[in-house]
Amino acid sequence: MEESIFTKIVRGEIPCHKVHEDERTLAFLDIHPIHSGHVLVIPKIQVDHLWDLSDEDYAAVMETSKQVANRIREVLKPARVGVHVMGMEVPHAHVHVFPFDTATEFWHRPDPTGEPDHNALADMAQKLSF
């Protein structure tokens, strides 16, 4: 399998707006967020399908996702924190964790062609980091 953009982020070859990192996982802001505070949680190893992760890596991704969700709740105080697992965009298992207030917001799809606001992303990463 060809290396994913996420593998390059894990190795530091491509920058990201990091929220959390531990031995098995990395959490960083999506540059085309569903809503401000949208975080991607990935395993540090590249596996295409979330369900193909080892039990240990799967548990680590889910634990980090829970920690991110709780941090989003604490800092941003949304009505809810949602999770999407799609796996279509990048062949590297990942969980989308994001704040939302309505069902319409939950299903919102951002425009991936716009230029990211890296100043706003850096500010949000600082707020959500743990």
N, C-alpha and C. Protein backbone atom coordinates (compact mmCIF):
# COMPACT_ATOMS: atom_id res chain seq x y z
N MET A 1 0.85 -1.18 0.00
CA MET A 1 0.00 0.00 0.00
C MET A 1 0.89 1.24 0.00
N GLU A 2 0.52 2.21 -0.81
CA GLU A 2 1.26 3.46 -0.86
C GLU A 2 1.08 4.22 0.45
N GLU A 3 2.14 4.92 0.87
CA GLU A 3 2.05 5.69 2.12
C GLU A 3 0.97 6.76 2.01
N SER A 4 0.19 6.88 3.06
CA SER A 4 -0.87 7.88 3.09
C SER A 4 -0.33 9.23 3.57
N ILE A 5 -1.12 10.25 3.32
CA ILE A 5 -0.77 11.58 3.83
C ILE A 5 -0.69 11.54 5.36
N PHE A 6 -1.52 10.69 6.00
CA PHE A 6 -1.49 10.60 7.46
C PHE A 6 -0.19 9.97 7.96
N THR A 7 0.33 9.00 7.24
CA THR A 7 1.62 8.41 7.61
C THR A 7 2.71 9.48 7.53
N LYS A 8 2.64 10.32 6.52
CA LYS A 8 3.62 11.41 6.39
C LYS A 8 3.45 12.43 7.51
N ILE A 9 2.24 12.65 7.98
CA ILE A 9 2.00 13.54 9.12
C ILE A 9 2.59 12.92 10.39
N VAL A 10 2.37 11.62 10.60
CA VAL A 10 2.91 10.93 11.77
C VAL A 10 4.43 11.09 11.82
N ARG A 11 5.07 10.95 10.67
CA ARG A 11 6.54 11.05 10.61
C ARG A 11 7.05 12.48 10.65
N GLY A 12 6.16 13.47 10.62
CA GLY A 12 6.57 14.86 10.67
C GLY A 12 6.97 15.43 9.33
N GLU A 13 6.71 14.71 8.24
CA GLU A 13 7.06 15.20 6.90
C GLU A 13 6.06 16.24 6.41
N ILE A 14 4.86 16.20 6.92
CA ILE A 14 3.82 17.17 6.60
C ILE A 14 3.33 17.73 7.94
N PRO A 15 3.21 19.05 8.07
CA PRO A 15 2.77 19.62 9.34
C PRO A 15 1.28 19.37 9.59
N CYS A 16 0.92 19.44 10.86
CA CYS A 16 -0.49 19.35 11.26
C CYS A 16 -0.70 20.24 12.47
N HIS A 17 -1.96 20.45 12.80
CA HIS A 17 -2.33 21.20 13.99
C HIS A 17 -2.70 20.16 15.05
N LYS A 18 -1.67 19.73 15.79
CA LYS A 18 -1.77 18.62 16.73
C LYS A 18 -2.55 19.00 17.98
N VAL A 19 -3.42 18.08 18.39
CA VAL A 19 -4.19 18.22 19.62
C VAL A 19 -3.65 17.27 20.68
N HIS A 20 -3.24 16.07 20.26
CA HIS A 20 -2.75 15.06 21.21
C HIS A 20 -1.91 14.03 20.47
N GLU A 21 -0.93 13.50 21.18
CA GLU A 21 -0.13 12.41 20.64
C GLU A 21 0.30 11.51 21.78
N ASP A 22 0.24 10.21 21.53
CA ASP A 22 0.76 9.24 22.48
C ASP A 22 1.48 8.15 21.70
N GLU A 23 1.82 7.07 22.35
CA GLU A 23 2.61 6.01 21.72
C GLU A 23 1.94 5.41 20.49
N ARG A 24 0.61 5.28 20.51
CA ARG A 24 -0.11 4.59 19.43
C ARG A 24 -0.95 5.48 18.53
N THR A 25 -1.29 6.70 18.99
CA THR A 25 -2.23 7.53 18.24
C THR A 25 -1.76 8.96 18.07
N LEU A 26 -2.38 9.62 17.11
CA LEU A 26 -2.17 11.04 16.87
C LEU A 26 -3.53 11.67 16.61
N ALA A 27 -3.80 12.80 17.23
CA ALA A 27 -5.05 13.53 17.02
C ALA A 27 -4.70 14.94 16.55
N PHE A 28 -5.30 15.35 15.43
CA PHE A 28 -5.00 16.67 14.87
C PHE A 28 -6.25 17.22 14.20
N LEU A 29 -6.26 18.54 14.01
CA LEU A 29 -7.42 19.20 13.42
C LEU A 29 -7.53 18.91 11.93
N ASP A 30 -8.77 18.69 11.49
CA ASP A 30 -9.06 18.54 10.07
C ASP A 30 -8.92 19.93 9.43
N ILE A 31 -8.21 20.03 8.32
CA ILE A 31 -8.01 21.35 7.70
C ILE A 31 -9.24 21.82 6.92
N HIS A 32 -10.20 20.93 6.71
CA HIS A 32 -11.49 21.28 6.10
C HIS A 32 -12.58 20.77 7.04
N PRO A 33 -12.74 21.44 8.18
CA PRO A 33 -13.61 20.91 9.24
C PRO A 33 -15.10 20.96 8.93
N ILE A 34 -15.81 19.99 9.49
CA ILE A 34 -17.28 20.01 9.48
C ILE A 34 -17.72 21.23 10.28
N HIS A 35 -17.07 21.42 11.44
CA HIS A 35 -17.26 22.59 12.29
C HIS A 35 -15.94 22.86 12.99
N SER A 36 -15.74 24.07 13.42
CA SER A 36 -14.52 24.42 14.14
C SER A 36 -14.35 23.48 15.33
N GLY A 37 -13.18 22.88 15.44
CA GLY A 37 -12.92 21.92 16.50
C GLY A 37 -12.98 20.48 16.01
N HIS A 38 -13.11 20.26 14.71
CA HIS A 38 -13.17 18.93 14.10
C HIS A 38 -11.78 18.30 14.14
N VAL A 39 -11.67 17.17 14.83
CA VAL A 39 -10.40 16.49 15.05
C VAL A 39 -10.41 15.13 14.37
N LEU A 40 -9.27 14.77 13.78
CA LEU A 40 -9.06 13.43 13.24
C LEU A 40 -8.19 12.66 14.22
N VAL A 41 -8.61 11.45 14.56
CA VAL A 41 -7.82 10.57 15.43
C VAL A 41 -7.37 9.39 14.58
N ILE A 42 -6.07 9.18 14.55
CA ILE A 42 -5.51 8.11 13.71
C ILE A 42 -4.57 7.22 14.52
N PRO A 43 -4.45 5.95 14.10
CA PRO A 43 -3.37 5.13 14.67
C PRO A 43 -2.07 5.55 14.00
N LYS A 44 -0.98 5.39 14.68
CA LYS A 44 0.31 5.76 14.10
C LYS A 44 0.75 4.78 13.02
N ILE A 45 0.19 3.58 13.02
CA ILE A 45 0.49 2.63 11.96
C ILE A 45 -0.56 2.78 10.87
N GLN A 46 -0.15 2.60 9.64
CA GLN A 46 -1.09 2.73 8.53
C GLN A 46 -1.78 1.41 8.27
N VAL A 47 -3.08 1.40 8.53
CA VAL A 47 -3.97 0.28 8.21
C VAL A 47 -5.17 0.93 7.54
N ASP A 48 -5.59 0.41 6.40
CA ASP A 48 -6.65 1.05 5.62
C ASP A 48 -8.00 1.06 6.33
N HIS A 49 -8.39 -0.06 6.92
CA HIS A 49 -9.70 -0.18 7.54
C HIS A 49 -9.59 -0.20 9.06
N LEU A 50 -10.39 0.62 9.71
CA LEU A 50 -10.40 0.69 11.17
C LEU A 50 -10.57 -0.70 11.78
N TRP A 51 -11.42 -1.50 11.15
CA TRP A 51 -11.76 -2.82 11.70
C TRP A 51 -10.63 -3.82 11.55
N ASP A 52 -9.59 -3.49 10.80
CA ASP A 52 -8.44 -4.37 10.63
C ASP A 52 -7.31 -4.05 11.61
N LEU A 53 -7.48 -3.04 12.43
CA LEU A 53 -6.46 -2.73 13.43
C LEU A 53 -6.35 -3.86 14.45
N SER A 54 -5.18 -3.99 15.04
CA SER A 54 -5.04 -4.94 16.16
C SER A 54 -5.96 -4.46 17.28
N ASP A 55 -6.31 -5.35 18.17
CA ASP A 55 -7.17 -4.97 19.30
C ASP A 55 -6.56 -3.82 20.10
N GLU A 56 -5.25 -3.86 20.27
CA GLU A 56 -4.56 -2.83 21.05
C GLU A 56 -4.64 -1.47 20.35
N ASP A 57 -4.38 -1.44 19.04
CA ASP A 57 -4.43 -0.17 18.31
C ASP A 57 -5.86 0.35 18.20
N TYR A 58 -6.82 -0.55 17.99
CA TYR A 58 -8.23 -0.14 17.94
C TYR A 58 -8.64 0.49 19.28
N ALA A 59 -8.29 -0.18 20.37
CA ALA A 59 -8.64 0.35 21.70
C ALA A 59 -7.97 1.71 21.93
N ALA A 60 -6.73 1.87 21.47
CA ALA A 60 -6.03 3.14 21.64
C ALA A 60 -6.71 4.25 20.85
N VAL A 61 -7.12 3.96 19.61
CA VAL A 61 -7.82 4.97 18.79
C VAL A 61 -9.14 5.36 19.46
N MET A 62 -9.88 4.38 19.96
CA MET A 62 -11.16 4.68 20.60
C MET A 62 -10.97 5.45 21.91
N GLU A 63 -9.94 5.11 22.67
CA GLU A 63 -9.67 5.83 23.92
C GLU A 63 -9.28 7.27 23.63
N THR A 64 -8.42 7.47 22.64
CA THR A 64 -8.04 8.84 22.27
C THR A 64 -9.26 9.59 21.75
N SER A 65 -10.11 8.94 20.96
CA SER A 65 -11.34 9.59 20.47
C SER A 65 -12.22 10.04 21.62
N LYS A 66 -12.34 9.22 22.64
CA LYS A 66 -13.13 9.58 23.82
C LYS A 66 -12.51 10.78 24.54
N GLN A 67 -11.20 10.77 24.69
CA GLN A 67 -10.52 11.89 25.35
C GLN A 67 -10.70 13.17 24.55
N VAL A 68 -10.59 13.09 23.23
CA VAL A 68 -10.79 14.26 22.37
C VAL A 68 -12.23 14.76 22.52
N ALA A 69 -13.20 13.85 22.46
CA ALA A 69 -14.60 14.24 22.60
C ALA A 69 -14.85 14.95 23.92
N ASN A 70 -14.30 14.43 25.00
CA ASN A 70 -14.48 15.07 26.30
C ASN A 70 -13.80 16.44 26.36
N ARG A 71 -12.66 16.55 25.69
CA ARG A 71 -11.98 17.86 25.65
C ARG A 71 -12.81 18.85 24.83
N ILE A 72 -13.37 18.42 23.71
CA ILE A 72 -14.24 19.29 22.91
C ILE A 72 -15.43 19.73 23.75
N ARG A 73 -16.04 18.82 24.48
CA ARG A 73 -17.18 19.17 25.34
C ARG A 73 -16.79 20.21 26.38
N GLU A 74 -15.64 20.01 27.00
CA GLU A 74 -15.17 20.90 28.05
C GLU A 74 -14.86 22.30 27.52
N VAL A 75 -14.17 22.37 26.40
CA VAL A 75 -13.68 23.65 25.87
C VAL A 75 -14.73 24.38 25.04
N LEU A 76 -15.39 23.67 24.14
CA LEU A 76 -16.29 24.31 23.18
C LEU A 76 -17.76 24.30 23.60
N LYS A 77 -18.12 23.39 24.49
CA LYS A 77 -19.47 23.30 25.05
C LYS A 77 -20.58 23.18 23.99
N PRO A 78 -20.42 22.28 23.01
CA PRO A 78 -21.47 22.08 22.02
C PRO A 78 -22.62 21.27 22.63
N ALA A 79 -23.75 21.22 21.93
CA ALA A 79 -24.86 20.37 22.38
C ALA A 79 -24.44 18.90 22.37
N ARG A 80 -23.67 18.50 21.35
CA ARG A 80 -23.22 17.12 21.21
C ARG A 80 -21.83 17.09 20.56
N VAL A 81 -21.19 15.93 20.69
CA VAL A 81 -19.95 15.67 19.96
C VAL A 81 -20.22 14.43 19.11
N GLY A 82 -20.01 14.57 17.80
CA GLY A 82 -20.28 13.48 16.87
C GLY A 82 -19.03 12.75 16.46
N VAL A 83 -19.26 11.57 15.89
CA VAL A 83 -18.18 10.74 15.39
C VAL A 83 -18.60 10.21 14.02
N HIS A 84 -17.70 10.28 13.06
CA HIS A 84 -17.89 9.66 11.76
C HIS A 84 -16.70 8.73 11.51
N VAL A 85 -16.98 7.55 11.01
CA VAL A 85 -15.94 6.64 10.54
C VAL A 85 -16.33 6.29 9.12
N MET A 86 -15.64 6.90 8.15
CA MET A 86 -15.98 6.66 6.74
C MET A 86 -14.85 5.94 6.02
N GLY A 87 -13.66 6.49 6.11
CA GLY A 87 -12.50 5.85 5.51
C GLY A 87 -12.42 5.94 4.00
N MET A 88 -13.11 6.88 3.41
CA MET A 88 -13.10 6.98 1.96
C MET A 88 -11.99 7.91 1.43
N GLU A 89 -11.65 8.92 2.18
CA GLU A 89 -10.75 9.96 1.68
C GLU A 89 -9.28 9.55 1.70
N VAL A 90 -8.87 8.86 2.74
CA VAL A 90 -7.46 8.52 2.93
C VAL A 90 -7.37 7.05 3.34
N PRO A 91 -6.51 6.25 2.71
CA PRO A 91 -6.40 4.84 3.05
C PRO A 91 -5.60 4.61 4.33
N HIS A 92 -6.07 5.21 5.40
CA HIS A 92 -5.42 5.13 6.71
C HIS A 92 -6.56 5.27 7.71
N ALA A 93 -6.79 4.27 8.52
CA ALA A 93 -7.90 4.29 9.48
C ALA A 93 -7.93 5.62 10.23
N HIS A 94 -9.13 6.19 10.37
CA HIS A 94 -9.25 7.44 11.11
C HIS A 94 -10.69 7.64 11.57
N VAL A 95 -10.80 8.37 12.67
CA VAL A 95 -12.10 8.69 13.27
C VAL A 95 -12.22 10.21 13.28
N HIS A 96 -13.35 10.71 12.76
CA HIS A 96 -13.66 12.14 12.81
C HIS A 96 -14.41 12.39 14.12
N VAL A 97 -13.94 13.32 14.93
CA VAL A 97 -14.61 13.70 16.19
C VAL A 97 -14.86 15.20 16.09
N PHE A 98 -16.13 15.61 16.24
CA PHE A 98 -16.45 17.02 15.98
C PHE A 98 -17.65 17.50 16.79
N PRO A 99 -17.65 18.80 17.11
CA PRO A 99 -18.79 19.38 17.84
C PRO A 99 -19.94 19.69 16.88
N PHE A 100 -21.18 19.59 17.39
CA PHE A 100 -22.33 20.01 16.61
C PHE A 100 -23.49 20.32 17.55
N ASP A 101 -24.43 21.10 17.04
CA ASP A 101 -25.59 21.49 17.84
C ASP A 101 -26.91 20.99 17.27
N THR A 102 -26.97 20.65 15.98
CA THR A 102 -28.21 20.20 15.35
C THR A 102 -27.92 19.01 14.44
N ALA A 103 -28.97 18.27 14.09
CA ALA A 103 -28.80 17.14 13.17
C ALA A 103 -28.30 17.62 11.81
N THR A 104 -28.74 18.78 11.37
CA THR A 104 -28.27 19.34 10.10
C THR A 104 -26.76 19.57 10.16
N GLU A 105 -26.28 20.10 11.26
CA GLU A 105 -24.84 20.32 11.42
C GLU A 105 -24.08 18.99 11.42
N PHE A 106 -24.67 17.96 12.02
CA PHE A 106 -24.01 16.65 12.08
C PHE A 106 -23.72 16.12 10.68
N TRP A 107 -24.65 16.34 9.74
CA TRP A 107 -24.51 15.81 8.39
C TRP A 107 -23.86 16.79 7.42
N HIS A 108 -23.45 17.95 7.89
CA HIS A 108 -22.81 18.96 7.04
C HIS A 108 -21.53 18.41 6.42
N ARG A 109 -21.31 18.71 5.14
CA ARG A 109 -20.07 18.35 4.46
C ARG A 109 -19.35 19.62 4.05
N PRO A 110 -18.13 19.82 4.51
CA PRO A 110 -17.39 21.03 4.16
C PRO A 110 -16.92 21.01 2.72
N ASP A 111 -16.58 22.18 2.22
CA ASP A 111 -16.00 22.32 0.89
C ASP A 111 -14.50 22.05 1.00
N PRO A 112 -14.02 20.94 0.45
CA PRO A 112 -12.60 20.61 0.59
C PRO A 112 -11.68 21.39 -0.35
N THR A 113 -12.23 22.32 -1.11
CA THR A 113 -11.39 23.06 -2.05
C THR A 113 -10.94 24.40 -1.50
N GLY A 114 -11.54 24.86 -0.42
CA GLY A 114 -11.17 26.15 0.15
C GLY A 114 -9.80 26.11 0.81
N GLU A 115 -9.19 27.26 0.95
CA GLU A 115 -7.89 27.36 1.61
C GLU A 115 -8.09 27.31 3.12
N PRO A 116 -7.37 26.43 3.82
CA PRO A 116 -7.49 26.35 5.28
C PRO A 116 -7.06 27.66 5.96
N ASP A 117 -7.71 27.99 7.05
CA ASP A 117 -7.34 29.15 7.87
C ASP A 117 -6.38 28.64 8.95
N HIS A 118 -5.09 28.63 8.64
CA HIS A 118 -4.12 28.04 9.55
C HIS A 118 -3.98 28.82 10.86
N ASN A 119 -4.24 30.10 10.86
CA ASN A 119 -4.21 30.86 12.12
C ASN A 119 -5.33 30.39 13.05
N ALA A 120 -6.53 30.25 12.50
CA ALA A 120 -7.67 29.77 13.30
C ALA A 120 -7.43 28.32 13.76
N LEU A 121 -6.87 27.50 12.88
CA LEU A 121 -6.58 26.11 13.24
C LEU A 121 -5.54 26.03 14.36
N ALA A 122 -4.50 26.85 14.28
CA ALA A 122 -3.47 26.86 15.32
C ALA A 122 -4.05 27.30 16.66
N ASP A 123 -4.91 28.30 16.62
CA ASP A 123 -5.57 28.77 17.85
C ASP A 123 -6.44 27.68 18.45
N MET A 124 -7.22 26.98 17.60
CA MET A 124 -8.08 25.90 18.09
C MET A 124 -7.26 24.74 18.64
N ALA A 125 -6.17 24.39 17.96
CA ALA A 125 -5.31 23.31 18.44
C ALA A 125 -4.78 23.61 19.83
N GLN A 126 -4.40 24.85 20.03
CA GLN A 126 -3.90 25.25 21.35
C GLN A 126 -4.99 25.10 22.41
N LYS A 127 -6.22 25.50 22.08
CA LYS A 127 -7.34 25.38 23.02
C LYS A 127 -7.67 23.93 23.37
N LEU A 128 -7.60 23.06 22.37
CA LEU A 128 -8.02 21.66 22.57
C LEU A 128 -6.88 20.73 23.02
N SER A 129 -5.64 21.17 22.93
CA SER A 129 -4.52 20.29 23.28
C SER A 129 -4.59 19.80 24.70
N PHE A 130 -4.19 18.54 24.86
CA PHE A 130 -4.12 17.94 26.20
C PHE A 130 -2.97 16.97 26.27
